């Protein structure tokens, strides 16, 4: 089998590579590089050719397909950083007040209630 021969791959693997390649091309990766990356991803995911005669079947590993997503996209916290410090401080105080109001003391209230019931 010559290098780059895809005869050992199943139709599903070929479709997979095609979809991955399209995704790379959409992002502006050159065609040849996109194809190489796509097949590298398929190999990493499926463990190489899956057709009969190409060795034992192996479980698929989805991690390589998910890997790139974490790199792009807007980073969190930018909107908060743009707000003035006074506004951030005010909303933090408001949130703290709400938390303490909703918490209502918890165990200390129970203890106080027990003490008052003991006295009578």
C-alpha atoms as a PDB file:
ATOM      1  CA  UNK A   1       0.000   0.000   0.000  1.00  0.00           C
ATOM      2  CA  UNK A   2       1.513   3.318  -1.126  1.00  0.00           C
ATOM      3  CA  UNK A   3       1.795   6.279   1.183  1.00  0.00           C
ATOM      4  CA  UNK A   4      -1.420   8.307   1.165  1.00  0.00           C
ATOM      5  CA  UNK A   5      -3.493   5.351  -0.090  1.00  0.00           C
ATOM      6  CA  UNK A   6      -6.996   5.551   1.407  1.00  0.00           C
ATOM      7  CA  UNK A   7      -8.227   2.058   0.447  1.00  0.00           C
ATOM      8  CA  UNK A   8      -8.013   0.831   4.056  1.00  0.00           C
ATOM      9  CA  UNK A   9     -10.473   3.490   5.227  1.00  0.00           C
ATOM     10  CA  UNK A  10     -14.218   2.928   5.486  1.00  0.00           C
ATOM     11  CA  UNK A  11     -16.736   5.149   3.703  1.00  0.00           C
ATOM     12  CA  UNK A  12     -17.658   6.682   7.040  1.00  0.00           C
ATOM     13  CA  UNK A  13     -14.034   7.649   7.692  1.00  0.00           C
ATOM     14  CA  UNK A  14     -13.799   9.194   4.224  1.00  0.00           C
ATOM     15  CA  UNK A  15     -16.972  11.221   4.846  1.00  0.00           C
ATOM     16  CA  UNK A  16     -15.603  12.289   8.211  1.00  0.00           C
ATOM     17  CA  UNK A  17     -12.376  13.532   6.625  1.00  0.00           C
ATOM     18  CA  UNK A  18     -14.348  15.380   3.949  1.00  0.00           C
ATOM     19  CA  UNK A  19     -16.448  17.238   6.542  1.00  0.00           C
ATOM     20  CA  UNK A  20     -13.422  18.114   8.649  1.00  0.00           C
ATOM     21  CA  UNK A  21     -11.586  19.344   5.555  1.00  0.00           C
ATOM     22  CA  UNK A  22     -14.524  21.589   4.608  1.00  0.00           C
ATOM     23  CA  UNK A  23     -14.457  23.076   8.092  1.00  0.00           C
ATOM     24  CA  UNK A  24     -10.763  23.919   7.812  1.00  0.00           C
ATOM     25  CA  UNK A  25     -11.241  25.440   4.348  1.00  0.00           C
ATOM     26  CA  UNK A  26     -14.055  27.611   5.711  1.00  0.00           C
ATOM     27  CA  UNK A  27     -11.580  28.962   8.243  1.00  0.00           C
ATOM     28  CA  UNK A  28      -9.168  29.869   5.446  1.00  0.00           C
ATOM     29  CA  UNK A  29      -6.697  26.966   5.634  1.00  0.00           C
ATOM     30  CA  UNK A  30      -5.164  26.080   2.214  1.00  0.00           C
ATOM     31  CA  UNK A  31      -6.706  23.034   0.494  1.00  0.00           C
ATOM     32  CA  UNK A  32      -3.720  20.662   0.806  1.00  0.00           C
ATOM     33  CA  UNK A  33      -3.060  21.570   4.415  1.00  0.00           C
ATOM     34  CA  UNK A  34      -6.779  21.214   5.210  1.00  0.00           C
ATOM     35  CA  UNK A  35      -6.795  17.709   3.707  1.00  0.00           C
ATOM     36  CA  UNK A  36      -3.690  16.701   5.667  1.00  0.00           C
ATOM     37  CA  UNK A  37      -5.147  18.008   8.920  1.00  0.00           C
ATOM     38  CA  UNK A  38      -8.479  16.313   8.231  1.00  0.00           C
ATOM     39  CA  UNK A  39      -6.864  12.907   7.727  1.00  0.00           C
ATOM     40  CA  UNK A  40      -4.654  13.445  10.783  1.00  0.00           C
ATOM     41  CA  UNK A  41      -7.802  14.097  12.827  1.00  0.00           C
ATOM     42  CA  UNK A  42      -9.528  11.003  11.402  1.00  0.00           C
ATOM     43  CA  UNK A  43      -6.451   8.884  12.199  1.00  0.00           C
ATOM     44  CA  UNK A  44      -6.242  10.254  15.730  1.00  0.00           C
ATOM     45  CA  UNK A  45      -9.979   9.763  16.279  1.00  0.00           C
ATOM     46  CA  UNK A  46     -10.479   6.319  14.765  1.00  0.00           C
ATOM     47  CA  UNK A  47      -7.003   4.840  15.053  1.00  0.00           C
ATOM     48  CA  UNK A  48      -6.295   4.554  11.308  1.00  0.00           C
ATOM     49  CA  UNK A  49      -7.990   2.510   8.581  1.00  0.00           C
ATOM     50  CA  UNK A  50     -10.949   0.459   9.804  1.00  0.00           C
ATOM     51  CA  UNK A  51     -11.632  -1.746   6.771  1.00  0.00           C
ATOM     52  CA  UNK A  52     -11.254  -5.485   7.202  1.00  0.00           C
ATOM     53  CA  UNK A  53      -7.638  -6.544   6.920  1.00  0.00           C
ATOM     54  CA  UNK A  54      -6.379  -3.309   8.421  1.00  0.00           C
ATOM     55  CA  UNK A  55      -6.064  -4.673  11.943  1.00  0.00           C
ATOM     56  CA  UNK A  56      -8.293  -4.951  14.982  1.00  0.00           C
ATOM     57  CA  UNK A  57     -11.094  -2.423  15.497  1.00  0.00           C
ATOM     58  CA  UNK A  58     -10.445   0.248  18.111  1.00  0.00           C
ATOM     59  CA  UNK A  59     -12.784   2.528  20.054  1.00  0.00           C
ATOM     60  CA  UNK A  60     -13.172   6.059  18.726  1.00  0.00           C
ATOM     61  CA  UNK A  61     -11.631   8.924  20.660  1.00  0.00           C
ATOM     62  CA  UNK A  62     -13.663  12.131  20.305  1.00  0.00           C
ATOM     63  CA  UNK A  63     -11.127  14.442  22.010  1.00  0.00           C
ATOM     64  CA  UNK A  64      -9.273  15.565  18.826  1.00  0.00           C
ATOM     65  CA  UNK A  65     -12.548  16.716  17.258  1.00  0.00           C
ATOM     66  CA  UNK A  66     -13.356  18.905  20.256  1.00  0.00           C
ATOM     67  CA  UNK A  67      -9.830  20.213  20.822  1.00  0.00           C
ATOM     68  CA  UNK A  68      -9.810  23.340  18.648  1.00  0.00           C
ATOM     69  CA  UNK A  69     -13.024  24.893  19.931  1.00  0.00           C
ATOM     70  CA  UNK A  70     -11.587  26.228  23.165  1.00  0.00           C
ATOM     71  CA  UNK A  71      -9.026  28.403  21.379  1.00  0.00           C
ATOM     72  CA  UNK A  72     -11.290  30.798  19.474  1.00  0.00           C
ATOM     73  CA  UNK A  73     -14.208  32.981  20.436  1.00  0.00           C
ATOM     74  CA  UNK A  74     -14.554  35.943  22.755  1.00  0.00           C
ATOM     75  CA  UNK A  75     -13.004  35.584  26.162  1.00  0.00           C
ATOM     76  CA  UNK A  76     -15.191  35.974  29.223  1.00  0.00           C
ATOM     77  CA  UNK A  77     -14.892  38.901  31.595  1.00  0.00           C
ATOM     78  CA  UNK A  78     -14.219  41.568  28.985  1.00  0.00           C
ATOM     79  CA  UNK A  79     -17.557  43.327  29.482  1.00  0.00           C
ATOM     80  CA  UNK A  80     -17.049  43.474  33.250  1.00  0.00           C
ATOM     81  CA  UNK A  81     -13.521  44.803  32.827  1.00  0.00           C
ATOM     82  CA  UNK A  82     -14.762  47.666  30.649  1.00  0.00           C
ATOM     83  CA  UNK A  83     -17.203  48.880  33.327  1.00  0.00           C
ATOM     84  CA  UNK A  84     -15.902  51.507  35.755  1.00  0.00           C
ATOM     85  CA  UNK A  85     -14.653  50.270  39.118  1.00  0.00           C
ATOM     86  CA  UNK A  86     -17.395  52.168  40.972  1.00  0.00           C
ATOM     87  CA  UNK A  87     -20.127  50.372  39.002  1.00  0.00           C
ATOM     88  CA  UNK A  88     -18.516  46.981  39.633  1.00  0.00           C
ATOM     89  CA  UNK A  89     -18.200  47.759  43.339  1.00  0.00           C
ATOM     90  CA  UNK A  90     -21.831  48.878  43.583  1.00  0.00           C
ATOM     91  CA  UNK A  91     -23.170  45.723  41.944  1.00  0.00           C
ATOM     92  CA  UNK A  92     -20.907  43.574  44.136  1.00  0.00           C
ATOM     93  CA  UNK A  93     -22.279  45.274  47.275  1.00  0.00           C
ATOM     94  CA  UNK A  94     -25.830  44.822  46.008  1.00  0.00           C
ATOM     95  CA  UNK A  95     -25.206  41.122  45.339  1.00  0.00           C
ATOM     96  CA  UNK A  96     -23.660  40.660  48.793  1.00  0.00           C
ATOM     97  CA  UNK A  97     -26.660  42.341  50.422  1.00  0.00           C
ATOM     98  CA  UNK A  98     -29.057  40.093  48.500  1.00  0.00           C
ATOM     99  CA  UNK A  99     -27.093  36.989  49.503  1.00  0.00           C
ATOM    100  CA  UNK A 100     -27.081  37.906  53.184  1.00  0.00           C
ATOM    101  CA  UNK A 101     -30.791  38.806  53.071  1.00  0.00           C
ATOM    102  CA  UNK A 102     -31.694  35.475  51.482  1.00  0.00           C
ATOM    103  CA  UNK A 103     -29.407  33.466  53.755  1.00  0.00           C
ATOM    104  CA  UNK A 104     -31.058  34.966  56.851  1.00  0.00           C
ATOM    105  CA  UNK A 105     -28.513  33.798  59.378  1.00  0.00           C
ATOM    106  CA  UNK A 106     -29.090  30.056  59.021  1.00  0.00           C
ATOM    107  CA  UNK A 107     -27.863  28.228  62.151  1.00  0.00           C
ATOM    108  CA  UNK A 108     -27.676  31.346  64.338  1.00  0.00           C
ATOM    109  CA  UNK A 109     -31.400  31.981  63.967  1.00  0.00           C
ATOM    110  CA  UNK A 110     -32.187  28.388  64.992  1.00  0.00           C
ATOM    111  CA  UNK A 111     -29.969  28.698  68.044  1.00  0.00           C
ATOM    112  CA  UNK A 112     -31.647  31.930  69.111  1.00  0.00           C
ATOM    113  CA  UNK A 113     -35.089  30.351  68.731  1.00  0.00           C
ATOM    114  CA  UNK A 114     -34.052  27.370  70.867  1.00  0.00           C
ATOM    115  CA  UNK A 115     -32.704  29.643  73.620  1.00  0.00           C
ATOM    116  CA  UNK A 116     -35.883  31.715  73.765  1.00  0.00           C
ATOM    117  CA  UNK A 117     -38.058  28.589  73.978  1.00  0.00           C
ATOM    118  CA  UNK A 118     -35.938  27.253  76.864  1.00  0.00           C
ATOM    119  CA  UNK A 119     -36.430  30.399  78.932  1.00  0.00           C
ATOM    120  CA  UNK A 120     -40.221  30.230  79.000  1.00  0.00           C
END
